[in-house]
C-alpha atoms as a PDB file:
ATOM      1  CA  MET A   1     -88.153-101.729 -26.866  1.00  0.00           C
ATOM      2  CA  THR A   2     -88.040-102.398 -23.417  1.00  0.00           C
ATOM      3  CA  MET A   3     -88.960-106.076 -22.269  1.00  0.00           C
ATOM      4  CA  VAL A   4     -90.161-105.033 -18.835  1.00  0.00           C
ATOM      5  CA  GLN A   5     -93.527-103.323 -18.631  1.00  0.00           C
ATOM      6  CA  ASP A   6     -94.293-100.815 -15.868  1.00  0.00           C
ATOM      7  CA  ARG A   7     -96.652-102.719 -13.561  1.00  0.00           C
ATOM      8  CA  ARG A   8     -97.502 -99.375 -11.497  1.00  0.00           C
ATOM      9  CA  ASP A   9    -100.058 -98.159 -14.124  1.00  0.00           C
ATOM     10  CA  ASP A  10    -102.581-101.037 -13.157  1.00  0.00           C
ATOM     11  CA  LEU A  11    -102.335-100.445  -9.440  1.00  0.00           C
ATOM     12  CA  PRO A  12    -105.046 -98.490  -7.591  1.00  0.00           C
ATOM     13  CA  GLN A  13    -104.041 -95.160  -6.096  1.00  0.00           C
ATOM     14  CA  GLU A  14    -103.916 -96.456  -2.502  1.00  0.00           C
ATOM     15  CA  LYS A  15    -101.573 -99.362  -3.416  1.00  0.00           C
ATOM     16  CA  ASP A  16     -99.448 -97.146  -5.404  1.00  0.00           C
ATOM     17  CA  GLU A  17     -99.113 -94.800  -2.287  1.00  0.00           C
ATOM     18  CA  THR A  18     -98.233 -97.914  -0.145  1.00  0.00           C
ATOM     19  CA  PHE A  19     -95.782 -99.205  -2.612  1.00  0.00           C
ATOM     20  CA  PHE A  20     -93.786 -96.092  -2.546  1.00  0.00           C
ATOM     21  CA  LYS A  21     -93.709 -95.809   1.315  1.00  0.00           C
ATOM     22  CA  ARG A  22     -92.583 -99.287   1.523  1.00  0.00           C
ATOM     23  CA  ARG A  23     -89.790 -98.753  -1.138  1.00  0.00           C
ATOM     24  CA  ARG A  24     -88.764 -95.679   0.724  1.00  0.00           C
ATOM     25  CA  SER A  25     -88.635 -97.551   4.141  1.00  0.00           C
ATOM     26  CA  ARG A  26     -86.521-100.196   2.469  1.00  0.00           C
ATOM     27  CA  SER A  27     -84.078 -97.493   0.925  1.00  0.00           C
ATOM     28  CA  ILE A  28     -83.785 -95.947   4.200  1.00  0.00           C
ATOM     29  CA  ALA A  29     -83.066 -99.327   5.936  1.00  0.00           C
ATOM     30  CA  ILE A  30     -80.446-100.134   3.175  1.00  0.00           C
ATOM     31  CA  ALA A  31     -78.811 -96.742   3.612  1.00  0.00           C
ATOM     32  CA  LEU A  32     -78.658 -97.066   7.465  1.00  0.00           C
ATOM     33  CA  VAL A  33     -76.955-100.617   7.093  1.00  0.00           C
ATOM     34  CA  LEU A  34     -74.417 -99.439   4.543  1.00  0.00           C
ATOM     35  CA  ALA A  35     -73.636 -96.458   6.875  1.00  0.00           C
ATOM     36  CA  GLY A  36     -73.327 -98.965   9.761  1.00  0.00           C
ATOM     37  CA  LEU A  37     -70.902-101.031   7.662  1.00  0.00           C
ATOM     38  CA  VAL A  38     -68.685 -98.019   6.534  1.00  0.00           C
ATOM     39  CA  VAL A  39     -68.493 -96.977  10.388  1.00  0.00           C
ATOM     40  CA  LEU A  40     -67.767-100.664  11.064  1.00  0.00           C
ATOM     41  CA  PHE A  41     -65.030-100.907   8.574  1.00  0.00           C
ATOM     42  CA  TYR A  42     -63.494 -97.509   9.777  1.00  0.00           C
ATOM     43  CA  VAL A  43     -63.293 -98.690  13.483  1.00  0.00           C
ATOM     44  CA  VAL A  44     -61.657-101.938  12.547  1.00  0.00           C
ATOM     45  CA  THR A  45     -59.072-100.261  10.219  1.00  0.00           C
ATOM     46  CA  LEU A  46     -58.084 -98.043  13.198  1.00  0.00           C
ATOM     47  CA  VAL A  47     -57.957-100.874  15.560  1.00  0.00           C
ATOM     48  CA  LYS A  48     -55.965-102.780  13.351  1.00  0.00           C
ATOM     49  CA  MET A  49     -53.464 -99.931  12.750  1.00  0.00           C
ATOM     50  CA  GLY A  50     -53.057 -99.647  16.509  1.00  0.00           C
ATOM     51  CA  ALA A  51     -52.804 -96.722  18.931  1.00  0.00           C
ATOM     52  CA  GLY A  52     -49.332 -95.850  17.589  1.00  0.00           C
ATOM     53  CA  ILE A  53     -50.799 -94.298  14.576  1.00  0.00           C
ATOM     54  CA  PHE A  54     -51.625 -91.080  16.300  1.00  0.00           C
ATOM     55  CA  ASN A  55     -48.167 -90.753  17.715  1.00  0.00           C
ATOM     56  CA  ARG A  56     -46.358 -90.472  14.436  1.00  0.00           C
ATOM     57  CA  ALA A  57     -45.055 -87.227  12.884  1.00  0.00           C
ATOM     58  CA  LEU A  58     -47.141 -85.495  10.278  1.00  0.00           C
END
């Protein structure tokens, strides 16, 4: 009972391969951007805490 039909069935083989290659490239690009944002937020958090955070007693 799905409303969306799978359109990959009517694609030729070479277009199907191109489709998957492009989707993989987009997925990798999104993953890299997400990882970059994580690193950026981590660095900004450390900078906002200041250098004194490393001189405290554990």
